[in-house]
């Protein structure tokens, strides 16, 4: 007859390990939310300095949303308040299409031209895109630090 050795293990401490993992997850979520919000506020502050100011109040319409969780991770919306979306898109892209289908290029007005450059970019079109470009390295560095637990 073959000797049968019994294999046994204990689940003692599993509750403590699950609790610790839950705390780690919650801490990571909190740090990610704080970092995403801080970075989004920085991008919007830069976008305001780059936004055209000839008509309307595009600077005041730039907003940061709440951090949202999705299956694939977390995200935060930045952009403009809905009531100015049409105007903001025209200003951001630097052109508009007339009813007849003609493309009209938007040129920065006197007030926009009087704003100083910021982060190597001139105020006017692509203000939000340029603010994101200005902060790309910072965003990647900050998120990497959070995810690596630094």
Protein backbone atom coordinates (compact mmCIF):
# COMPACT_ATOMS: atom_id res chain seq x y z
CA UNK A 1 0.00 0.00 0.00
CA UNK A 2 1.12 3.43 -0.82
CA UNK A 3 1.59 5.91 1.93
CA UNK A 4 -0.88 8.76 1.65
CA UNK A 5 0.32 12.05 2.92
CA UNK A 6 -2.27 14.51 3.92
CA UNK A 7 -2.06 17.99 2.54
CA UNK A 8 -3.49 20.70 4.72
CA UNK A 9 -3.49 24.44 4.79
CA UNK A 10 -5.00 27.12 6.90
CA UNK A 11 -7.00 30.17 5.89
CA UNK A 12 -6.12 32.02 9.04
CA UNK A 13 -5.39 35.64 8.29
CA UNK A 14 -7.21 35.69 4.95
CA UNK A 15 -9.68 38.28 6.26
CA UNK A 16 -6.77 40.51 7.24
CA UNK A 17 -5.19 40.11 3.77
CA UNK A 18 -8.48 40.91 2.02
CA UNK A 19 -8.93 43.95 4.26
CA UNK A 20 -5.38 45.11 3.47
CA UNK A 21 -5.93 44.68 -0.28
CA UNK A 22 -9.19 46.62 -0.07
CA UNK A 23 -7.43 49.46 1.77
CA UNK A 24 -4.66 49.47 -0.86
CA UNK A 25 -7.23 49.61 -3.67
CA UNK A 26 -9.15 52.44 -1.99
CA UNK A 27 -5.93 54.37 -1.39
CA UNK A 28 -4.90 53.96 -5.03
CA UNK A 29 -8.35 55.09 -6.20
CA UNK A 30 -8.19 58.15 -3.94
CA UNK A 31 -4.70 59.10 -5.11
CA UNK A 32 -5.68 58.62 -8.75
CA UNK A 33 -8.79 60.78 -8.32
CA UNK A 34 -6.78 63.53 -6.62
CA UNK A 35 -4.07 63.41 -9.28
CA UNK A 36 -6.50 63.39 -12.22
CA UNK A 37 -8.39 66.34 -10.76
CA UNK A 38 -5.22 68.33 -10.06
CA UNK A 39 -3.86 67.65 -13.56
CA UNK A 40 -7.18 68.53 -15.21
CA UNK A 41 -7.27 71.83 -13.30
CA UNK A 42 -3.73 72.58 -14.47
CA UNK A 43 -4.64 71.86 -18.11
CA UNK A 44 -7.73 74.07 -17.87
CA UNK A 45 -5.72 76.90 -16.26
CA UNK A 46 -3.29 76.73 -19.19
CA UNK A 47 -6.16 76.49 -21.71
CA UNK A 48 -7.66 79.67 -20.23
CA UNK A 49 -4.39 81.49 -20.82
CA UNK A 50 -4.42 80.26 -24.43
CA UNK A 51 -8.14 80.76 -25.16
CA UNK A 52 -9.19 83.52 -27.54
CA UNK A 53 -11.03 86.40 -25.84
CA UNK A 54 -12.45 88.49 -28.68
CA UNK A 55 -16.12 87.62 -28.18
CA UNK A 56 -17.97 85.78 -25.44
CA UNK A 57 -16.34 84.46 -22.33
CA UNK A 58 -14.71 81.24 -23.43
CA UNK A 59 -12.24 81.33 -20.54
CA UNK A 60 -15.07 81.20 -17.99
CA UNK A 61 -16.78 78.37 -19.90
CA UNK A 62 -13.79 76.01 -19.61
CA UNK A 63 -14.66 73.33 -17.07
CA UNK A 64 -13.36 70.27 -15.29
CA UNK A 65 -15.79 67.44 -14.61
CA UNK A 66 -15.84 64.87 -11.85
CA UNK A 67 -13.59 61.81 -11.94
CA UNK A 68 -15.55 58.86 -13.27
CA UNK A 69 -14.84 55.16 -12.99
CA UNK A 70 -15.32 52.80 -15.91
CA UNK A 71 -14.51 49.13 -16.40
CA UNK A 72 -11.22 50.07 -18.05
CA UNK A 73 -10.18 52.60 -15.40
CA UNK A 74 -10.79 56.21 -14.43
CA UNK A 75 -11.17 59.35 -16.46
CA UNK A 76 -12.04 63.01 -16.10
CA UNK A 77 -13.75 65.23 -18.64
CA UNK A 78 -12.35 68.64 -19.48
CA UNK A 79 -13.78 71.10 -21.97
CA UNK A 80 -16.48 73.71 -22.10
CA UNK A 81 -19.91 74.05 -20.59
CA UNK A 82 -22.61 72.76 -22.97
CA UNK A 83 -24.16 76.16 -23.70
CA UNK A 84 -20.99 77.31 -25.50
CA UNK A 85 -19.91 74.06 -27.16
CA UNK A 86 -20.68 75.24 -30.70
CA UNK A 87 -18.81 78.52 -30.23
CA UNK A 88 -15.93 76.75 -28.47
CA UNK A 89 -15.46 74.23 -31.29
CA UNK A 90 -15.31 77.02 -33.88
CA UNK A 91 -12.79 78.94 -31.78
CA UNK A 92 -10.73 75.83 -31.04
CA UNK A 93 -10.54 74.68 -34.65
CA UNK A 94 -10.06 78.16 -36.08
CA UNK A 95 -12.69 77.91 -38.81
CA UNK A 96 -16.41 77.69 -39.34
CA UNK A 97 -18.60 76.48 -42.14
CA UNK A 98 -21.24 78.84 -43.54
CA UNK A 99 -24.75 77.76 -44.53
CA UNK A 100 -23.61 77.72 -48.15
CA UNK A 101 -20.82 75.30 -47.22
CA UNK A 102 -17.94 77.75 -47.52
CA UNK A 103 -15.12 77.46 -45.00
CA UNK A 104 -14.27 80.69 -43.19
CA UNK A 105 -10.92 80.84 -41.40
CA UNK A 106 -11.06 82.54 -38.01
CA UNK A 107 -8.33 85.05 -37.34
CA UNK A 108 -7.38 86.12 -33.79
CA UNK A 109 -8.76 89.54 -32.93
CA UNK A 110 -6.97 92.38 -31.22
CA UNK A 111 -7.69 91.17 -27.66
CA UNK A 112 -6.42 87.67 -28.42
CA UNK A 113 -3.32 89.01 -30.17
CA UNK A 114 -2.61 91.17 -27.08
CA UNK A 115 -2.43 88.08 -24.83
CA UNK A 116 1.14 86.90 -24.25
CA UNK A 117 2.35 83.50 -25.38
CA UNK A 118 2.12 80.77 -22.78
CA UNK A 119 4.18 77.59 -22.63
CA UNK A 120 5.51 78.22 -26.11
CA UNK A 121 2.05 78.59 -27.66
CA UNK A 122 0.19 81.65 -28.85
CA UNK A 123 -3.41 82.20 -27.70
CA UNK A 124 -6.09 81.37 -30.23
CA UNK A 125 -7.02 78.20 -32.03
CA UNK A 126 -6.20 74.77 -30.58
CA UNK A 127 -6.11 76.31 -27.07
CA UNK A 128 -7.23 73.10 -25.33
CA UNK A 129 -5.11 70.78 -27.48
CA UNK A 130 -2.05 72.96 -26.89
CA UNK A 131 -2.69 73.01 -23.12
CA UNK A 132 -2.77 69.21 -23.17
CA UNK A 133 0.47 69.09 -25.20
CA UNK A 134 2.12 71.47 -22.71
CA UNK A 135 1.23 69.13 -19.85
CA UNK A 136 1.69 65.75 -21.53
CA UNK A 137 5.01 64.90 -19.84
CA UNK A 138 3.74 66.08 -16.44
CA UNK A 139 0.56 64.02 -16.81
CA UNK A 140 2.48 60.86 -17.73
CA UNK A 141 5.02 61.39 -14.93
CA UNK A 142 2.37 62.06 -12.25
CA UNK A 143 0.18 59.10 -13.23
CA UNK A 144 3.20 56.81 -13.39
CA UNK A 145 4.21 57.89 -9.88
CA UNK A 146 0.74 57.15 -8.52
CA UNK A 147 0.55 53.77 -10.21
CA UNK A 148 4.02 52.80 -9.03
CA UNK A 149 3.07 53.76 -5.48
CA UNK A 150 5.54 56.61 -5.11
